[in-house]
Amino acid sequence: MRSPWLDIPLADYEGHMAWPGIGQSEMLATQFSQLLAQWTPASAAVIGCAGGNGFDLVRVAVTKRLVGIDINPLYIRELAYRYAATIPGLELYVRDIQEPVGRIAPVDLIYAALVLEYVDPVPALHNLRSLCCPGGVLATVLQLPSDEVSPVSESPFASLKELAPALRLLSPDTLTDCATASGFVLESSRRIVLSSGKEFALQVFRRQAHR
């Protein structure tokens, strides 16, 4: 099945995520920056990297290798244009994480924010395990269900409505079960609440060294 993300213009996606009252771009970039500060990884990967939200916050003297993975080749092309000259260790790949990621060297930290709602988590987590160094960290952000707020927020960017049929909200408990089966152990979990009323779960997993 063709991913709806292949038909969403990057400008629409970024405009939607930064729209007043949505504010998810800032939240996701902040969480990424905090994770980098906490874990100080020498290498990191961002799954569903789009145009590189948060890449400007990476300290390249610490995180010397930064991997961006997205299913949309136009997103990857724009990201390269924006950051190839300023992030020396930048590696970019067009991949569907439901399929094997191929020959990409593992990283110390993986950030997968608002991605697992659009894929089958079982093969995706299996593939992310191969991308994570033994003892490395997988950090995920999930959108939580709400009776008051639409899963896809309203904005002037009509193309984002095409995502609604593909969106499958995943509970933190279900993600934990799937991650555990793939060789990860839950380290921490907390909720994030935005002014819009939307809630998210940030979960941090550690890849078991012996699996």
Protein backbone atom coordinates (compact mmCIF):
# COMPACT_ATOMS: atom_id res chain seq x y z
CA MET A 1 0.00 0.00 0.00
CA ARG A 2 1.31 3.44 -0.95
CA SER A 3 2.20 5.61 2.04
CA PRO A 4 0.15 8.84 2.26
CA TRP A 5 3.36 10.57 3.34
CA LEU A 6 4.57 10.39 -0.25
CA ASP A 7 1.81 12.83 -1.24
CA ILE A 8 2.17 15.45 1.51
CA PRO A 9 4.23 18.49 0.43
CA LEU A 10 6.94 19.27 2.96
CA ALA A 11 5.82 22.90 3.15
CA ASP A 12 2.32 21.76 4.12
CA TYR A 13 3.61 19.38 6.78
CA GLU A 14 5.95 21.93 8.33
CA GLY A 15 3.33 24.67 8.16
CA HIS A 16 0.78 22.44 9.84
CA MET A 17 3.10 21.32 12.63
CA ALA A 18 4.17 24.91 13.40
CA TRP A 19 0.66 26.39 13.10
CA PRO A 20 -0.45 28.46 16.12
CA GLY A 21 -2.55 26.26 18.36
CA ILE A 22 -0.77 23.11 17.16
CA GLY A 23 2.84 23.80 18.12
CA GLN A 24 4.08 20.27 17.65
CA SER A 25 7.26 21.25 15.79
CA GLU A 26 8.65 23.09 18.79
CA MET A 27 7.68 20.30 21.17
CA LEU A 28 9.32 17.58 19.07
CA ALA A 29 12.51 19.59 18.55
CA THR A 30 12.69 20.35 22.28
CA GLN A 31 12.33 16.69 23.21
CA PHE A 32 15.06 15.74 20.74
CA SER A 33 17.40 18.40 22.10
CA GLN A 34 16.78 17.25 25.68
CA LEU A 35 17.46 13.63 24.77
CA LEU A 36 20.73 14.61 23.12
CA ALA A 37 21.72 16.58 26.21
CA GLN A 38 20.81 13.72 28.53
CA TRP A 39 22.46 10.86 26.63
CA THR A 40 25.24 12.74 24.75
CA PRO A 41 25.31 10.15 21.95
CA ALA A 42 28.21 10.07 19.52
CA SER A 43 25.72 8.97 16.87
CA ALA A 44 21.96 9.45 16.53
CA ALA A 45 19.22 8.67 14.03
CA VAL A 46 15.93 10.49 13.47
CA ILE A 47 13.16 8.35 11.99
CA GLY A 48 10.64 10.28 9.92
CA CYS A 49 13.06 13.19 9.80
CA ALA A 50 11.07 15.18 7.19
CA GLY A 51 12.90 18.49 6.67
CA GLY A 52 15.13 18.18 9.72
CA ASN A 53 13.12 19.68 12.57
CA GLY A 54 15.54 19.95 15.51
CA PHE A 55 18.66 19.30 13.46
CA ASP A 56 19.79 22.87 14.12
CA LEU A 57 19.96 22.02 17.83
CA VAL A 58 22.45 19.16 17.41
CA ARG A 59 25.90 19.81 18.88
CA VAL A 60 28.07 18.36 16.13
CA ALA A 61 31.12 18.34 18.39
CA VAL A 62 29.31 15.77 20.56
CA THR A 63 27.03 13.95 18.14
CA LYS A 64 29.50 13.51 15.33
CA ARG A 65 27.23 11.30 13.20
CA LEU A 66 23.58 12.16 12.52
CA VAL A 67 21.37 9.86 10.44
CA GLY A 68 18.09 11.00 8.91
CA ILE A 69 15.61 8.43 7.59
CA ASP A 70 12.34 9.20 5.82
CA ILE A 71 10.07 7.46 3.34
CA ASN A 72 9.69 10.59 1.19
CA PRO A 73 12.68 11.26 -1.09
CA LEU A 74 11.67 14.90 -1.57
CA TYR A 75 11.91 15.46 2.18
CA ILE A 76 15.38 13.93 2.20
CA ARG A 77 16.47 16.09 -0.72
CA GLU A 78 15.34 19.26 1.02
CA LEU A 79 16.97 18.21 4.28
CA ALA A 80 20.27 17.69 2.47
CA TYR A 81 19.99 21.15 0.95
CA ARG A 82 19.40 22.68 4.39
CA TYR A 83 22.00 20.88 6.48
CA ALA A 84 24.66 19.08 4.43
CA ALA A 85 27.01 22.05 4.68
CA THR A 86 26.63 22.57 8.44
CA ILE A 87 26.42 19.00 9.80
CA PRO A 88 29.63 17.20 8.75
CA GLY A 89 28.50 13.75 9.87
CA LEU A 90 25.10 13.86 8.18
CA GLU A 91 23.83 10.64 6.55
CA LEU A 92 20.45 10.57 4.80
CA TYR A 93 18.46 7.56 3.65
CA VAL A 94 15.11 6.99 1.95
CA ARG A 95 13.62 4.01 3.78
CA ASP A 96 10.32 2.49 4.87
CA ILE A 97 11.10 1.26 8.37
CA GLN A 98 8.63 -1.57 7.95
CA GLU A 99 11.26 -3.03 5.64
CA PRO A 100 14.88 -3.89 6.53
CA VAL A 101 16.88 -0.67 6.66
CA GLY A 102 19.85 -2.14 4.82
CA ARG A 103 23.48 -1.34 5.45
CA ILE A 104 23.27 1.54 7.87
CA ALA A 105 25.74 1.40 10.75
CA PRO A 106 23.98 1.28 14.15
CA VAL A 107 23.68 4.41 16.29
CA ASP A 108 23.71 5.17 20.00
CA LEU A 109 20.32 6.93 20.05
CA ILE A 110 17.23 6.62 17.84
CA TYR A 111 14.48 9.24 17.94
CA ALA A 112 11.16 8.08 16.45
CA ALA A 113 8.51 10.74 17.07
CA LEU A 114 4.96 10.46 15.70
CA VAL A 115 6.07 7.72 13.31
CA LEU A 116 4.90 4.45 14.79
CA GLU A 117 1.24 5.51 14.44
CA TYR A 118 1.61 5.11 10.65
CA VAL A 119 3.36 1.75 10.44
CA ASP A 120 3.05 -1.80 11.68
CA PRO A 121 5.02 -1.53 14.93
CA VAL A 122 6.16 -5.16 14.99
CA PRO A 123 8.41 -5.15 11.88
CA ALA A 124 9.29 -1.50 12.44
CA LEU A 125 10.66 -2.15 15.92
CA HIS A 126 12.49 -5.23 14.71
CA ASN A 127 14.20 -3.12 12.07
CA LEU A 128 14.94 -0.30 14.50
CA ARG A 129 16.63 -2.81 16.78
CA SER A 130 19.13 -3.53 13.99
CA LEU A 131 19.80 0.21 13.78
CA CYS A 132 20.43 0.54 17.53
CA CYS A 133 23.78 -0.28 19.12
CA PRO A 134 23.71 -2.85 21.94
CA GLY A 135 22.95 -0.85 25.06
CA GLY A 136 21.77 2.06 22.90
CA VAL A 137 18.61 4.12 23.37
CA LEU A 138 15.34 4.20 21.43
CA ALA A 139 13.18 7.23 22.28
CA THR A 140 9.63 7.36 20.94
CA VAL A 141 6.85 9.93 21.00
CA LEU A 142 3.29 8.65 20.64
CA GLN A 143 0.13 10.69 20.26
CA LEU A 144 -2.44 9.69 22.88
CA PRO A 145 -6.19 9.40 22.16
CA SER A 146 -8.52 12.21 23.19
CA ASP A 147 -12.30 12.64 23.26
CA GLU A 148 -11.95 16.41 22.86
CA VAL A 149 -9.25 16.81 20.20
CA SER A 150 -9.20 15.44 16.64
CA PRO A 151 -6.29 13.05 15.94
CA VAL A 152 -5.26 15.25 12.98
CA SER A 153 -5.54 18.88 14.09
CA GLU A 154 -7.33 21.43 11.98
CA SER A 155 -5.15 23.82 9.99
CA PRO A 156 -5.23 25.59 6.60
CA PHE A 157 -3.11 22.78 5.12
CA ALA A 158 -5.78 20.54 3.63
CA SER A 159 -3.36 17.87 2.39
CA LEU A 160 -2.78 16.74 5.99
CA LYS A 161 -6.34 15.41 6.10
CA GLU A 162 -5.15 12.60 3.82
CA LEU A 163 -3.23 11.18 6.78
CA ALA A 164 -6.32 10.48 8.88
CA PRO A 165 -7.20 7.07 7.35
CA ALA A 166 -3.63 5.83 7.88
CA LEU A 167 -3.33 7.04 11.49
CA ARG A 168 -3.56 4.24 14.06
CA LEU A 169 -2.99 5.49 17.58
CA LEU A 170 -0.80 3.12 19.55
CA SER A 171 -1.04 2.84 23.33
CA PRO A 172 2.18 3.13 25.36
CA ASP A 173 1.50 -0.32 26.84
CA THR A 174 1.17 -1.89 23.39
CA LEU A 175 4.37 -0.19 22.27
CA THR A 176 6.16 -1.45 25.37
CA ASP A 177 5.02 -5.00 24.64
CA CYS A 178 6.18 -4.77 21.03
CA ALA A 179 9.48 -3.17 22.00
CA THR A 180 10.13 -5.80 24.66
CA ALA A 181 9.53 -8.56 22.12
CA SER A 182 12.08 -6.87 19.85
CA GLY A 183 14.79 -6.78 22.50
CA PHE A 184 14.26 -3.40 24.19
CA VAL A 185 13.66 -2.64 27.87
CA LEU A 186 11.58 0.34 29.00
CA GLU A 187 13.72 2.86 30.90
CA SER A 188 11.25 5.70 31.44
CA SER A 189 7.91 7.10 30.33
CA ARG A 190 6.20 10.45 30.76
CA ARG A 191 3.33 12.48 29.33
CA ILE A 192 3.53 15.74 27.45
CA VAL A 193 0.47 18.01 27.29
CA LEU A 194 0.24 20.88 24.79
CA SER A 195 -1.92 23.99 25.07
CA SER A 196 -4.13 22.54 22.32
CA GLY A 197 -5.13 19.75 24.71
CA LYS A 198 -3.27 17.09 22.77
CA GLU A 199 -1.31 14.63 24.87
CA PHE A 200 1.74 12.59 23.97
CA ALA A 201 3.81 9.86 25.59
CA LEU A 202 7.59 10.03 25.53
CA GLN A 203 9.05 6.58 26.15
CA VAL A 204 12.74 5.74 26.40
CA PHE A 205 13.87 2.16 25.78
CA ARG A 206 17.31 0.56 26.07
CA ARG A 207 18.36 -2.12 23.64
CA GLN A 208 19.41 -5.24 25.52
CA ALA A 209 23.05 -6.01 24.90
CA HIS A 210 22.60 -9.79 24.92
CA ARG A 211 19.96 -9.99 22.16
